[in-house]
């Protein structure tokens, strides 16, 4: 520990939250916290956090350039599960520890994905608008409404959230299949989920729910090839990261009726552009990257982030290290 207090910067998302609990968690270090509004430009991140020992970020870019310029930076904490805003390989090379908070939102995201599936299947949004407009259809509108029970649900990514979604959707008496090459057979068996290839999942599923991280391997993983394999009666649900799905290919598949519909909480560009063609389609349900949200979960974020930063600055290992390579013998690590 140094004689001078460490400096921790919290760069908030597009909404503002009270991070007093983060400062309280840092009191024992000692460290002082500065909360900043959202910053979308890496040069501005550098200019405003030049003396940072730690960064806590939501959507702000933490690039190789940022970490190289912030010479005292020891740890970056991402406030949620995904960490695609952080250049993790660069962090590892530079000896910066990357931490995420993966366990707060598991149930919320799984619940939101299930809510989107049900809303689309039961045409909740359409019927709500019709009834408010004085239209009484007397049934679920549309050419076809799936029974849900007895149908097949495909999950892309069987991590914590995908697993939670699998448990929920199985309760509807569905057949659950999944693709995840990084999850062992034991988890599939424990969940009663059939392991299939991505190609087989596209061909068999009546509902596809995407729960994978965004990285170079998964960028546009769900694209034209995938959509051409899907049933024309199937729907796609995405609560992971927008760029996992090729929106241009999705819009084309929906327009050509090669796919029945989609329900999206995440987008390739956020906030989603007003002229995005998907927003003009009646068979698309849109929400605003809100799947993670519940008041109790969000309330825990400042304290959890502060605790993880405090662990690093006092020489302890954080609970959730994204790049454990920084702890390998002989590895460079700025936190020493």
C-alpha atoms as a PDB file:
ATOM      1  CA  UNK A   1       0.000   0.000   0.000  1.00  0.00           C
ATOM      2  CA  UNK A   2       1.210   3.514  -0.738  1.00  0.00           C
ATOM      3  CA  UNK A   3       1.179   6.456   1.652  1.00  0.00           C
ATOM      4  CA  UNK A   4      -1.168   8.281  -0.703  1.00  0.00           C
ATOM      5  CA  UNK A   5      -4.754   7.241  -1.339  1.00  0.00           C
ATOM      6  CA  UNK A   6      -5.461   5.341  -4.521  1.00  0.00           C
ATOM      7  CA  UNK A   7      -7.777   6.988  -7.050  1.00  0.00           C
ATOM      8  CA  UNK A   8     -10.755   5.058  -8.377  1.00  0.00           C
ATOM      9  CA  UNK A   9     -12.877   6.419 -11.208  1.00  0.00           C
ATOM     10  CA  UNK A  10     -16.424   5.229 -11.805  1.00  0.00           C
ATOM     11  CA  UNK A  11     -17.570   6.047 -15.335  1.00  0.00           C
ATOM     12  CA  UNK A  12     -21.303   5.609 -15.311  1.00  0.00           C
ATOM     13  CA  UNK A  13     -23.567   4.298 -18.039  1.00  0.00           C
ATOM     14  CA  UNK A  14     -26.202   6.391 -19.732  1.00  0.00           C
ATOM     15  CA  UNK A  15     -28.136   6.596 -16.472  1.00  0.00           C
ATOM     16  CA  UNK A  16     -26.847   7.992 -13.201  1.00  0.00           C
ATOM     17  CA  UNK A  17     -26.631   5.911 -10.022  1.00  0.00           C
ATOM     18  CA  UNK A  18     -25.540   6.593  -6.473  1.00  0.00           C
ATOM     19  CA  UNK A  19     -22.085   5.053  -5.933  1.00  0.00           C
ATOM     20  CA  UNK A  20     -21.782   5.985  -2.251  1.00  0.00           C
ATOM     21  CA  UNK A  21     -21.625   2.277  -1.362  1.00  0.00           C
ATOM     22  CA  UNK A  22     -18.620   1.933  -3.671  1.00  0.00           C
ATOM     23  CA  UNK A  23     -16.773   4.643  -1.764  1.00  0.00           C
ATOM     24  CA  UNK A  24     -17.730   2.990   1.521  1.00  0.00           C
ATOM     25  CA  UNK A  25     -16.264  -0.321   0.339  1.00  0.00           C
ATOM     26  CA  UNK A  26     -13.027   1.487  -0.558  1.00  0.00           C
ATOM     27  CA  UNK A  27     -12.621   3.201   2.806  1.00  0.00           C
ATOM     28  CA  UNK A  28     -10.346   0.507   4.236  1.00  0.00           C
ATOM     29  CA  UNK A  29      -7.883   0.690   1.343  1.00  0.00           C
ATOM     30  CA  UNK A  30      -7.712   3.798   1.520  1.00  0.00           C
ATOM     31  CA  UNK A  31      -8.956   5.051  -1.834  1.00  0.00           C
ATOM     32  CA  UNK A  32     -10.971   7.997  -3.042  1.00  0.00           C
ATOM     33  CA  UNK A  33     -13.623   7.636  -5.678  1.00  0.00           C
ATOM     34  CA  UNK A  34     -14.632  10.045  -8.413  1.00  0.00           C
ATOM     35  CA  UNK A  35     -17.867   9.401 -10.300  1.00  0.00           C
ATOM     36  CA  UNK A  36     -18.015  10.619 -13.899  1.00  0.00           C
ATOM     37  CA  UNK A  37     -20.896  10.665 -16.400  1.00  0.00           C
ATOM     38  CA  UNK A  38     -20.817   8.400 -19.436  1.00  0.00           C
ATOM     39  CA  UNK A  39     -17.763   8.864 -21.686  1.00  0.00           C
ATOM     40  CA  UNK A  40     -17.850   7.275 -25.121  1.00  0.00           C
ATOM     41  CA  UNK A  41     -14.490   8.466 -26.455  1.00  0.00           C
ATOM     42  CA  UNK A  42     -11.235   6.780 -25.441  1.00  0.00           C
ATOM     43  CA  UNK A  43      -9.248  10.034 -25.579  1.00  0.00           C
ATOM     44  CA  UNK A  44     -11.676  11.642 -23.173  1.00  0.00           C
ATOM     45  CA  UNK A  45     -11.425   8.626 -20.879  1.00  0.00           C
ATOM     46  CA  UNK A  46      -7.654   9.140 -20.786  1.00  0.00           C
ATOM     47  CA  UNK A  47      -7.909  12.890 -20.238  1.00  0.00           C
ATOM     48  CA  UNK A  48     -10.356  12.591 -17.338  1.00  0.00           C
ATOM     49  CA  UNK A  49      -8.838   9.574 -15.546  1.00  0.00           C
ATOM     50  CA  UNK A  50      -5.124  10.193 -16.005  1.00  0.00           C
ATOM     51  CA  UNK A  51      -4.207   9.287 -12.406  1.00  0.00           C
ATOM     52  CA  UNK A  52      -6.475   6.238 -12.142  1.00  0.00           C
ATOM     53  CA  UNK A  53      -5.419   3.210 -10.134  1.00  0.00           C
ATOM     54  CA  UNK A  54      -8.763   1.574 -10.947  1.00  0.00           C
ATOM     55  CA  UNK A  55     -11.626   2.058 -13.386  1.00  0.00           C
ATOM     56  CA  UNK A  56     -15.207   0.944 -12.960  1.00  0.00           C
ATOM     57  CA  UNK A  57     -17.031   1.090 -16.299  1.00  0.00           C
ATOM     58  CA  UNK A  58     -20.378   0.213 -17.808  1.00  0.00           C
ATOM     59  CA  UNK A  59     -20.158   1.018 -21.529  1.00  0.00           C
ATOM     60  CA  UNK A  60     -17.077   3.242 -21.823  1.00  0.00           C
ATOM     61  CA  UNK A  61     -14.255   1.857 -24.002  1.00  0.00           C
ATOM     62  CA  UNK A  62     -11.176   0.610 -22.187  1.00  0.00           C
ATOM     63  CA  UNK A  63      -8.825   0.051 -25.111  1.00  0.00           C
ATOM     64  CA  UNK A  64      -5.134  -0.748 -25.362  1.00  0.00           C
ATOM     65  CA  UNK A  65      -4.571   2.980 -25.811  1.00  0.00           C
ATOM     66  CA  UNK A  66      -6.437   3.808 -22.624  1.00  0.00           C
ATOM     67  CA  UNK A  67      -4.598   1.246 -20.525  1.00  0.00           C
ATOM     68  CA  UNK A  68      -1.250   2.171 -22.034  1.00  0.00           C
ATOM     69  CA  UNK A  69      -1.785   5.843 -21.229  1.00  0.00           C
ATOM     70  CA  UNK A  70      -3.022   5.224 -17.673  1.00  0.00           C
ATOM     71  CA  UNK A  71       0.300   3.981 -16.369  1.00  0.00           C
ATOM     72  CA  UNK A  72      -0.917   3.518 -12.802  1.00  0.00           C
ATOM     73  CA  UNK A  73      -3.998   1.531 -13.773  1.00  0.00           C
ATOM     74  CA  UNK A  74      -4.134  -1.784 -11.946  1.00  0.00           C
ATOM     75  CA  UNK A  75      -7.680  -3.045 -12.396  1.00  0.00           C
ATOM     76  CA  UNK A  76     -10.749  -2.488 -14.569  1.00  0.00           C
ATOM     77  CA  UNK A  77     -14.131  -3.599 -13.256  1.00  0.00           C
ATOM     78  CA  UNK A  78     -17.056  -4.030 -15.636  1.00  0.00           C
ATOM     79  CA  UNK A  79     -20.355  -3.490 -13.813  1.00  0.00           C
ATOM     80  CA  UNK A  80     -22.100  -6.400 -15.546  1.00  0.00           C
ATOM     81  CA  UNK A  81     -21.513  -9.800 -17.099  1.00  0.00           C
ATOM     82  CA  UNK A  82     -20.164  -8.937 -20.560  1.00  0.00           C
ATOM     83  CA  UNK A  83     -16.757  -7.285 -20.883  1.00  0.00           C
ATOM     84  CA  UNK A  84     -16.572  -6.596 -24.615  1.00  0.00           C
ATOM     85  CA  UNK A  85     -15.899  -2.874 -23.951  1.00  0.00           C
ATOM     86  CA  UNK A  86     -12.526  -3.897 -22.493  1.00  0.00           C
ATOM     87  CA  UNK A  87      -9.590  -5.076 -24.599  1.00  0.00           C
ATOM     88  CA  UNK A  88      -8.880  -8.109 -22.437  1.00  0.00           C
ATOM     89  CA  UNK A  89      -5.830  -9.411 -24.372  1.00  0.00           C
ATOM     90  CA  UNK A  90      -4.224  -5.966 -24.119  1.00  0.00           C
ATOM     91  CA  UNK A  91      -5.025  -5.809 -20.418  1.00  0.00           C
ATOM     92  CA  UNK A  92      -3.379  -9.176 -19.869  1.00  0.00           C
ATOM     93  CA  UNK A  93      -0.301  -8.122 -21.802  1.00  0.00           C
ATOM     94  CA  UNK A  94      -0.043  -4.885 -19.831  1.00  0.00           C
ATOM     95  CA  UNK A  95      -0.654  -6.582 -16.478  1.00  0.00           C
ATOM     96  CA  UNK A  96      -4.054  -5.000 -15.789  1.00  0.00           C
ATOM     97  CA  UNK A  97      -6.553  -7.195 -13.950  1.00  0.00           C
ATOM     98  CA  UNK A  98     -10.024  -7.320 -15.534  1.00  0.00           C
ATOM     99  CA  UNK A  99     -12.987  -8.127 -13.315  1.00  0.00           C
ATOM    100  CA  UNK A 100     -16.686  -8.536 -14.076  1.00  0.00           C
ATOM    101  CA  UNK A 101     -19.778  -8.921 -11.894  1.00  0.00           C
ATOM    102  CA  UNK A 102     -21.400 -11.984 -13.472  1.00  0.00           C
ATOM    103  CA  UNK A 103     -23.750 -13.223 -10.769  1.00  0.00           C
ATOM    104  CA  UNK A 104     -26.095 -10.322  -9.990  1.00  0.00           C
ATOM    105  CA  UNK A 105     -28.211 -10.431 -13.130  1.00  0.00           C
ATOM    106  CA  UNK A 106     -28.557 -14.118 -13.921  1.00  0.00           C
ATOM    107  CA  UNK A 107     -32.196 -14.502 -12.934  1.00  0.00           C
ATOM    108  CA  UNK A 108     -33.193 -11.100 -14.288  1.00  0.00           C
ATOM    109  CA  UNK A 109     -31.844 -11.772 -17.789  1.00  0.00           C
ATOM    110  CA  UNK A 110     -33.254 -15.297 -17.873  1.00  0.00           C
ATOM    111  CA  UNK A 111     -36.632 -13.947 -16.771  1.00  0.00           C
ATOM    112  CA  UNK A 112     -36.546 -11.209 -19.420  1.00  0.00           C
ATOM    113  CA  UNK A 113     -35.709 -13.701 -22.172  1.00  0.00           C
ATOM    114  CA  UNK A 114     -38.617 -15.872 -21.076  1.00  0.00           C
ATOM    115  CA  UNK A 115     -40.872 -12.814 -20.920  1.00  0.00           C
ATOM    116  CA  UNK A 116     -39.932 -11.913 -24.501  1.00  0.00           C
ATOM    117  CA  UNK A 117     -40.634 -15.473 -25.641  1.00  0.00           C
ATOM    118  CA  UNK A 118     -44.049 -15.468 -23.966  1.00  0.00           C
ATOM    119  CA  UNK A 119     -44.897 -11.958 -25.150  1.00  0.00           C
ATOM    120  CA  UNK A 120     -44.148 -12.935 -28.726  1.00  0.00           C
ATOM    121  CA  UNK A 121     -45.869 -16.311 -28.547  1.00  0.00           C
ATOM    122  CA  UNK A 122     -49.021 -14.888 -26.971  1.00  0.00           C
ATOM    123  CA  UNK A 123     -48.874 -11.663 -29.048  1.00  0.00           C
ATOM    124  CA  UNK A 124     -49.156  -9.636 -25.843  1.00  0.00           C
ATOM    125  CA  UNK A 125     -47.834  -6.391 -27.350  1.00  0.00           C
ATOM    126  CA  UNK A 126     -50.100  -6.606 -30.392  1.00  0.00           C
ATOM    127  CA  UNK A 127     -53.227  -7.408 -28.371  1.00  0.00           C
ATOM    128  CA  UNK A 128     -52.485  -4.669 -25.835  1.00  0.00           C
ATOM    129  CA  UNK A 129     -52.331  -2.099 -28.642  1.00  0.00           C
ATOM    130  CA  UNK A 130     -55.495  -3.465 -30.247  1.00  0.00           C
ATOM    131  CA  UNK A 131     -57.537  -3.410 -27.048  1.00  0.00           C
ATOM    132  CA  UNK A 132     -56.370   0.113 -26.232  1.00  0.00           C
ATOM    133  CA  UNK A 133     -57.465   1.101 -29.743  1.00  0.00           C
ATOM    134  CA  UNK A 134     -60.899  -0.460 -29.260  1.00  0.00           C
ATOM    135  CA  UNK A 135     -60.244  -3.593 -31.339  1.00  0.00           C
ATOM    136  CA  UNK A 136     -61.465  -6.873 -29.837  1.00  0.00           C
ATOM    137  CA  UNK A 137     -59.947  -9.769 -31.810  1.00  0.00           C
ATOM    138  CA  UNK A 138     -61.436 -12.600 -29.739  1.00  0.00           C
ATOM    139  CA  UNK A 139     -58.271 -14.658 -30.129  1.00  0.00           C
ATOM    140  CA  UNK A 140     -54.517 -14.464 -30.478  1.00  0.00           C
ATOM    141  CA  UNK A 141     -53.852 -12.551 -33.702  1.00  0.00           C
ATOM    142  CA  UNK A 142     -51.509 -13.729 -36.423  1.00  0.00           C
ATOM    143  CA  UNK A 143     -51.215 -16.527 -38.942  1.00  0.00           C
ATOM    144  CA  UNK A 144     -49.967 -19.065 -36.389  1.00  0.00           C
ATOM    145  CA  UNK A 145     -49.577 -19.306 -32.635  1.00  0.00           C
ATOM    146  CA  UNK A 146     -47.305 -22.014 -31.273  1.00  0.00           C
ATOM    147  CA  UNK A 147     -48.544 -24.143 -28.390  1.00  0.00           C
ATOM    148  CA  UNK A 148     -45.209 -23.663 -26.574  1.00  0.00           C
ATOM    149  CA  UNK A 149     -45.558 -26.945 -24.673  1.00  0.00           C
ATOM    150  CA  UNK A 150     -44.165 -29.767 -26.759  1.00  0.00           C
ATOM    151  CA  UNK A 151     -42.147 -27.394 -28.937  1.00  0.00           C
ATOM    152  CA  UNK A 152     -38.361 -27.133 -29.097  1.00  0.00           C
ATOM    153  CA  UNK A 153     -36.376 -24.286 -27.547  1.00  0.00           C
ATOM    154  CA  UNK A 154     -32.776 -23.809 -28.645  1.00  0.00           C
ATOM    155  CA  UNK A 155     -30.249 -22.009 -26.428  1.00  0.00           C
ATOM    156  CA  UNK A 156     -27.046 -20.559 -27.837  1.00  0.00           C
ATOM    157  CA  UNK A 157     -24.657 -20.360 -24.883  1.00  0.00           C
ATOM    158  CA  UNK A 158     -25.296 -22.507 -21.804  1.00  0.00           C
ATOM    159  CA  UNK A 159     -23.444 -20.416 -19.222  1.00  0.00           C
ATOM    160  CA  UNK A 160     -25.037 -19.131 -16.028  1.00  0.00           C
ATOM    161  CA  UNK A 161     -27.807 -17.180 -17.752  1.00  0.00           C
ATOM    162  CA  UNK A 162     -28.407 -19.770 -20.468  1.00  0.00           C
ATOM    163  CA  UNK A 163     -28.680 -22.441 -17.776  1.00  0.00           C
ATOM    164  CA  UNK A 164     -31.140 -20.362 -15.748  1.00  0.00           C
ATOM    165  CA  UNK A 165     -33.216 -19.829 -18.892  1.00  0.00           C
ATOM    166  CA  UNK A 166     -33.114 -23.583 -19.630  1.00  0.00           C
ATOM    167  CA  UNK A 167     -34.528 -24.408 -16.200  1.00  0.00           C
ATOM    168  CA  UNK A 168     -37.328 -21.892 -16.641  1.00  0.00           C
ATOM    169  CA  UNK A 169     -38.383 -22.779 -20.155  1.00  0.00           C
ATOM    170  CA  UNK A 170     -38.265 -26.529 -19.427  1.00  0.00           C
ATOM    171  CA  UNK A 171     -41.068 -25.960 -16.918  1.00  0.00           C
ATOM    172  CA  UNK A 172     -43.322 -25.207 -19.920  1.00  0.00           C
ATOM    173  CA  UNK A 173     -42.973 -28.832 -21.038  1.00  0.00           C
ATOM    174  CA  UNK A 174     -40.676 -27.945 -23.925  1.00  0.00           C
ATOM    175  CA  UNK A 175     -37.813 -29.882 -25.453  1.00  0.00           C
ATOM    176  CA  UNK A 176     -34.644 -27.917 -24.669  1.00  0.00           C
ATOM    177  CA  UNK A 177     -31.550 -28.166 -26.862  1.00  0.00           C
ATOM    178  CA  UNK A 178     -28.393 -26.074 -26.675  1.00  0.00           C
ATOM    179  CA  UNK A 179     -25.077 -25.347 -28.336  1.00  0.00           C
ATOM    180  CA  UNK A 180     -22.034 -24.440 -26.242  1.00  0.00           C
ATOM    181  CA  UNK A 181     -18.641 -25.995 -27.014  1.00  0.00           C
ATOM    182  CA  UNK A 182     -17.170 -24.600 -23.784  1.00  0.00           C
ATOM    183  CA  UNK A 183     -19.605 -26.268 -21.366  1.00  0.00           C
ATOM    184  CA  UNK A 184     -19.068 -29.877 -20.325  1.00  0.00           C
ATOM    185  CA  UNK A 185     -21.520 -32.734 -20.757  1.00  0.00           C
ATOM    186  CA  UNK A 186     -22.167 -32.831 -17.011  1.00  0.00           C
ATOM    187  CA  UNK A 187     -23.984 -29.484 -17.102  1.00  0.00           C
ATOM    188  CA  UNK A 188     -26.074 -30.513 -20.099  1.00  0.00           C
ATOM    189  CA  UNK A 189     -27.061 -33.735 -18.322  1.00  0.00           C
ATOM    190  CA  UNK A 190     -27.860 -31.970 -15.034  1.00  0.00           C
ATOM    191  CA  UNK A 191     -30.185 -29.580 -16.859  1.00  0.00           C
ATOM    192  CA  UNK A 192     -31.761 -32.270 -19.021  1.00  0.00           C
ATOM    193  CA  UNK A 193     -30.650 -30.369 -22.117  1.00  0.00           C
ATOM    194  CA  UNK A 194     -29.602 -32.073 -25.351  1.00  0.00           C
ATOM    195  CA  UNK A 195     -26.255 -30.977 -26.790  1.00  0.00           C
ATOM    196  CA  UNK A 196     -26.462 -30.161 -30.495  1.00  0.00           C
ATOM    197  CA  UNK A 197     -24.415 -28.321 -33.097  1.00  0.00           C
ATOM    198  CA  UNK A 198     -25.271 -24.740 -34.003  1.00  0.00           C
ATOM    199  CA  UNK A 199     -26.542 -25.958 -37.371  1.00  0.00           C
ATOM    200  CA  UNK A 200     -28.843 -28.555 -35.805  1.00  0.00           C
ATOM    201  CA  UNK A 201     -30.117 -26.007 -33.299  1.00  0.00           C
ATOM    202  CA  UNK A 202     -31.084 -23.612 -36.089  1.00  0.00           C
ATOM    203  CA  UNK A 203     -32.905 -26.364 -37.956  1.00  0.00           C
ATOM    204  CA  UNK A 204     -34.808 -27.866 -35.023  1.00  0.00           C
ATOM    205  CA  UNK A 205     -35.716 -24.976 -32.720  1.00  0.00           C
ATOM    206  CA  UNK A 206     -39.103 -23.281 -32.674  1.00  0.00           C
ATOM    207  CA  UNK A 207     -37.631 -20.603 -30.407  1.00  0.00           C
ATOM    208  CA  UNK A 208     -33.946 -19.621 -30.308  1.00  0.00           C
ATOM    209  CA  UNK A 209     -32.648 -17.694 -27.291  1.00  0.00           C
ATOM    210  CA  UNK A 210     -29.119 -16.261 -27.463  1.00  0.00           C
ATOM    211  CA  UNK A 211     -27.034 -16.141 -24.265  1.00  0.00           C
ATOM    212  CA  UNK A 212     -23.408 -16.036 -25.399  1.00  0.00           C
ATOM    213  CA  UNK A 213     -20.685 -13.504 -24.677  1.00  0.00           C
ATOM    214  CA  UNK A 214     -19.554 -11.151 -27.434  1.00  0.00           C
ATOM    215  CA  UNK A 215     -16.039 -11.710 -28.728  1.00  0.00           C
ATOM    216  CA  UNK A 216     -14.312 -12.194 -32.076  1.00  0.00           C
ATOM    217  CA  UNK A 217     -15.657 -15.740 -32.306  1.00  0.00           C
ATOM    218  CA  UNK A 218     -19.291 -14.836 -31.624  1.00  0.00           C
ATOM    219  CA  UNK A 219     -19.542 -11.575 -33.596  1.00  0.00           C
ATOM    220  CA  UNK A 220     -22.396 -12.137 -36.102  1.00  0.00           C
ATOM    221  CA  UNK A 221     -22.529 -15.782 -35.024  1.00  0.00           C
ATOM    222  CA  UNK A 222     -26.267 -15.596 -35.669  1.00  0.00           C
ATOM    223  CA  UNK A 223     -26.304 -14.450 -39.278  1.00  0.00           C
ATOM    224  CA  UNK A 224     -27.474 -15.294 -42.775  1.00  0.00           C
ATOM    225  CA  UNK A 225     -26.318 -18.927 -42.686  1.00  0.00           C
ATOM    226  CA  UNK A 226     -28.112 -19.488 -39.382  1.00  0.00           C
ATOM    227  CA  UNK A 227     -31.334 -17.809 -40.536  1.00  0.00           C
ATOM    228  CA  UNK A 228     -31.458 -19.884 -43.729  1.00  0.00           C
ATOM    229  CA  UNK A 229     -31.528 -23.019 -41.596  1.00  0.00           C
ATOM    230  CA  UNK A 230     -34.323 -21.821 -39.292  1.00  0.00           C
ATOM    231  CA  UNK A 231     -37.964 -22.787 -39.613  1.00  0.00           C
ATOM    232  CA  UNK A 232     -40.155 -20.055 -41.156  1.00  0.00           C
ATOM    233  CA  UNK A 233     -42.378 -20.363 -38.047  1.00  0.00           C
ATOM    234  CA  UNK A 234     -39.489 -19.868 -35.585  1.00  0.00           C
ATOM    235  CA  UNK A 235     -38.531 -16.758 -33.619  1.00  0.00           C
ATOM    236  CA  UNK A 236     -35.224 -15.376 -32.369  1.00  0.00           C
ATOM    237  CA  UNK A 237     -34.703 -13.876 -28.905  1.00  0.00           C
ATOM    238  CA  UNK A 238     -31.509 -11.987 -28.045  1.00  0.00           C
ATOM    239  CA  UNK A 239     -30.660 -10.756 -24.548  1.00  0.00           C
ATOM    240  CA  UNK A 240     -26.875 -11.237 -24.842  1.00  0.00           C
ATOM    241  CA  UNK A 241     -25.080  -8.595 -26.927  1.00  0.00           C
ATOM    242  CA  UNK A 242     -26.341  -6.891 -30.064  1.00  0.00           C
ATOM    243  CA  UNK A 243     -23.436  -7.680 -32.413  1.00  0.00           C
ATOM    244  CA  UNK A 244     -23.814 -11.431 -31.816  1.00  0.00           C
ATOM    245  CA  UNK A 245     -26.735 -11.109 -34.254  1.00  0.00           C
ATOM    246  CA  UNK A 246     -26.283  -9.727 -37.772  1.00  0.00           C
ATOM    247  CA  UNK A 247     -29.192  -7.279 -37.794  1.00  0.00           C
ATOM    248  CA  UNK A 248     -29.063  -6.726 -41.550  1.00  0.00           C
ATOM    249  CA  UNK A 249     -29.381 -10.465 -42.153  1.00  0.00           C
ATOM    250  CA  UNK A 250     -32.140 -10.690 -39.542  1.00  0.00           C
ATOM    251  CA  UNK A 251     -34.124  -7.885 -41.168  1.00  0.00           C
ATOM    252  CA  UNK A 252     -33.781  -9.624 -44.530  1.00  0.00           C
ATOM    253  CA  UNK A 253     -34.973 -12.960 -43.144  1.00  0.00           C
ATOM    254  CA  UNK A 254     -37.993 -11.312 -41.512  1.00  0.00           C
ATOM    255  CA  UNK A 255     -38.845  -9.309 -44.622  1.00  0.00           C
ATOM    256  CA  UNK A 256     -38.685 -12.442 -46.796  1.00  0.00           C
ATOM    257  CA  UNK A 257     -40.786 -14.389 -44.251  1.00  0.00           C
ATOM    258  CA  UNK A 258     -38.005 -16.914 -43.753  1.00  0.00           C
ATOM    259  CA  UNK A 259     -38.432 -16.264 -40.049  1.00  0.00           C
ATOM    260  CA  UNK A 260     -41.626 -15.523 -38.118  1.00  0.00           C
ATOM    261  CA  UNK A 261     -40.318 -12.917 -35.714  1.00  0.00           C
ATOM    262  CA  UNK A 262     -37.761 -11.643 -33.257  1.00  0.00           C
ATOM    263  CA  UNK A 263     -37.619 -10.211 -29.749  1.00  0.00           C
ATOM    264  CA  UNK A 264     -34.535  -8.119 -29.053  1.00  0.00           C
ATOM    265  CA  UNK A 265     -33.252  -6.438 -25.914  1.00  0.00           C
ATOM    266  CA  UNK A 266     -29.772  -5.686 -27.302  1.00  0.00           C
ATOM    267  CA  UNK A 267     -28.718  -3.998 -30.524  1.00  0.00           C
ATOM    268  CA  UNK A 268     -25.667  -3.585 -32.727  1.00  0.00           C
ATOM    269  CA  UNK A 269     -25.855   0.155 -32.117  1.00  0.00           C
ATOM    270  CA  UNK A 270     -27.074   1.445 -28.756  1.00  0.00           C
ATOM    271  CA  UNK A 271     -29.174   3.433 -28.304  1.00  0.00           C
ATOM    272  CA  UNK A 272     -30.824   1.834 -31.324  1.00  0.00           C
ATOM    273  CA  UNK A 273     -31.158   4.190 -34.296  1.00  0.00           C
ATOM    274  CA  UNK A 274     -34.668   5.455 -35.005  1.00  0.00           C
ATOM    275  CA  UNK A 275     -34.357   4.408 -38.649  1.00  0.00           C
ATOM    276  CA  UNK A 276     -33.374   0.811 -37.843  1.00  0.00           C
ATOM    277  CA  UNK A 277     -35.631  -1.278 -40.140  1.00  0.00           C
ATOM    278  CA  UNK A 278     -36.307  -3.775 -37.355  1.00  0.00           C
ATOM    279  CA  UNK A 279     -38.224  -1.100 -35.444  1.00  0.00           C
ATOM    280  CA  UNK A 280     -40.655  -0.751 -38.315  1.00  0.00           C
ATOM    281  CA  UNK A 281     -41.619  -4.427 -38.320  1.00  0.00           C
ATOM    282  CA  UNK A 282     -44.747  -5.571 -36.508  1.00  0.00           C
ATOM    283  CA  UNK A 283     -43.215  -8.982 -35.859  1.00  0.00           C
ATOM    284  CA  UNK A 284     -40.334  -7.580 -33.777  1.00  0.00           C
ATOM    285  CA  UNK A 285     -40.593  -6.868 -30.052  1.00  0.00           C
ATOM    286  CA  UNK A 286     -38.004  -4.315 -28.921  1.00  0.00           C
ATOM    287  CA  UNK A 287     -36.720  -3.461 -25.444  1.00  0.00           C
ATOM    288  CA  UNK A 288     -33.896  -1.149 -24.438  1.00  0.00           C
ATOM    289  CA  UNK A 289     -31.046  -3.303 -23.045  1.00  0.00           C
ATOM    290  CA  UNK A 290     -33.026  -3.663 -19.836  1.00  0.00           C
ATOM    291  CA  UNK A 291     -32.936  -7.428 -19.291  1.00  0.00           C
ATOM    292  CA  UNK A 292     -30.408  -7.088 -16.464  1.00  0.00           C
ATOM    293  CA  UNK A 293     -32.521  -4.690 -14.448  1.00  0.00           C
ATOM    294  CA  UNK A 294     -34.181  -5.198 -11.120  1.00  0.00           C
ATOM    295  CA  UNK A 295     -34.044  -2.656  -8.325  1.00  0.00           C
ATOM    296  CA  UNK A 296     -32.426  -5.079  -5.827  1.00  0.00           C
ATOM    297  CA  UNK A 297     -29.767  -6.192  -8.332  1.00  0.00           C
ATOM    298  CA  UNK A 298     -28.835  -2.669  -9.420  1.00  0.00           C
ATOM    299  CA  UNK A 299     -28.637  -1.543  -5.792  1.00  0.00           C
ATOM    300  CA  UNK A 300     -25.845  -4.066  -5.141  1.00  0.00           C
ATOM    301  CA  UNK A 301     -23.591  -2.943  -8.009  1.00  0.00           C
ATOM    302  CA  UNK A 302     -21.710  -0.040  -6.345  1.00  0.00           C
ATOM    303  CA  UNK A 303     -20.774  -2.067  -3.282  1.00  0.00           C
ATOM    304  CA  UNK A 304     -19.768  -5.131  -5.291  1.00  0.00           C
ATOM    305  CA  UNK A 305     -17.566  -3.075  -7.607  1.00  0.00           C
ATOM    306  CA  UNK A 306     -15.955  -1.297  -4.670  1.00  0.00           C
ATOM    307  CA  UNK A 307     -15.239  -4.590  -2.925  1.00  0.00           C
ATOM    308  CA  UNK A 308     -13.546  -6.043  -5.998  1.00  0.00           C
ATOM    309  CA  UNK A 309     -11.384  -2.930  -6.452  1.00  0.00           C
ATOM    310  CA  UNK A 310     -10.498  -3.012  -2.755  1.00  0.00           C
ATOM    311  CA  UNK A 311      -9.362  -6.622  -3.050  1.00  0.00           C
ATOM    312  CA  UNK A 312      -6.972  -5.770  -5.871  1.00  0.00           C
ATOM    313  CA  UNK A 313      -5.561  -2.667  -4.187  1.00  0.00           C
ATOM    314  CA  UNK A 314      -4.898  -4.580  -0.954  1.00  0.00           C
ATOM    315  CA  UNK A 315      -3.136  -7.447  -2.733  1.00  0.00           C
ATOM    316  CA  UNK A 316      -6.013  -9.920  -2.674  1.00  0.00           C
ATOM    317  CA  UNK A 317      -7.429 -11.795  -5.644  1.00  0.00           C
ATOM    318  CA  UNK A 318     -10.884 -10.601  -6.829  1.00  0.00           C
ATOM    319  CA  UNK A 319     -13.781 -13.036  -6.855  1.00  0.00           C
ATOM    320  CA  UNK A 320     -14.362 -12.861 -10.609  1.00  0.00           C
ATOM    321  CA  UNK A 321     -11.189 -12.443 -12.692  1.00  0.00           C
ATOM    322  CA  UNK A 322     -11.769 -12.354 -16.439  1.00  0.00           C
ATOM    323  CA  UNK A 323      -8.074 -12.764 -17.319  1.00  0.00           C
ATOM    324  CA  UNK A 324      -6.590 -15.191 -14.761  1.00  0.00           C
ATOM    325  CA  UNK A 325      -3.410 -15.310 -16.858  1.00  0.00           C
ATOM    326  CA  UNK A 326      -2.258 -12.187 -14.991  1.00  0.00           C
ATOM    327  CA  UNK A 327      -1.878 -14.388 -11.904  1.00  0.00           C
ATOM    328  CA  UNK A 328       0.305 -16.972 -13.634  1.00  0.00           C
ATOM    329  CA  UNK A 329       3.864 -17.345 -12.281  1.00  0.00           C
ATOM    330  CA  UNK A 330       6.128 -14.803 -13.924  1.00  0.00           C
ATOM    331  CA  UNK A 331       3.261 -12.817 -15.454  1.00  0.00           C
ATOM    332  CA  UNK A 332       3.432  -9.024 -15.517  1.00  0.00           C
ATOM    333  CA  UNK A 333       0.950  -7.510 -13.098  1.00  0.00           C
ATOM    334  CA  UNK A 334       0.658  -3.835 -12.264  1.00  0.00           C
ATOM    335  CA  UNK A 335      -1.203  -4.590  -9.047  1.00  0.00           C
ATOM    336  CA  UNK A 336       1.921  -5.836  -7.321  1.00  0.00           C
END
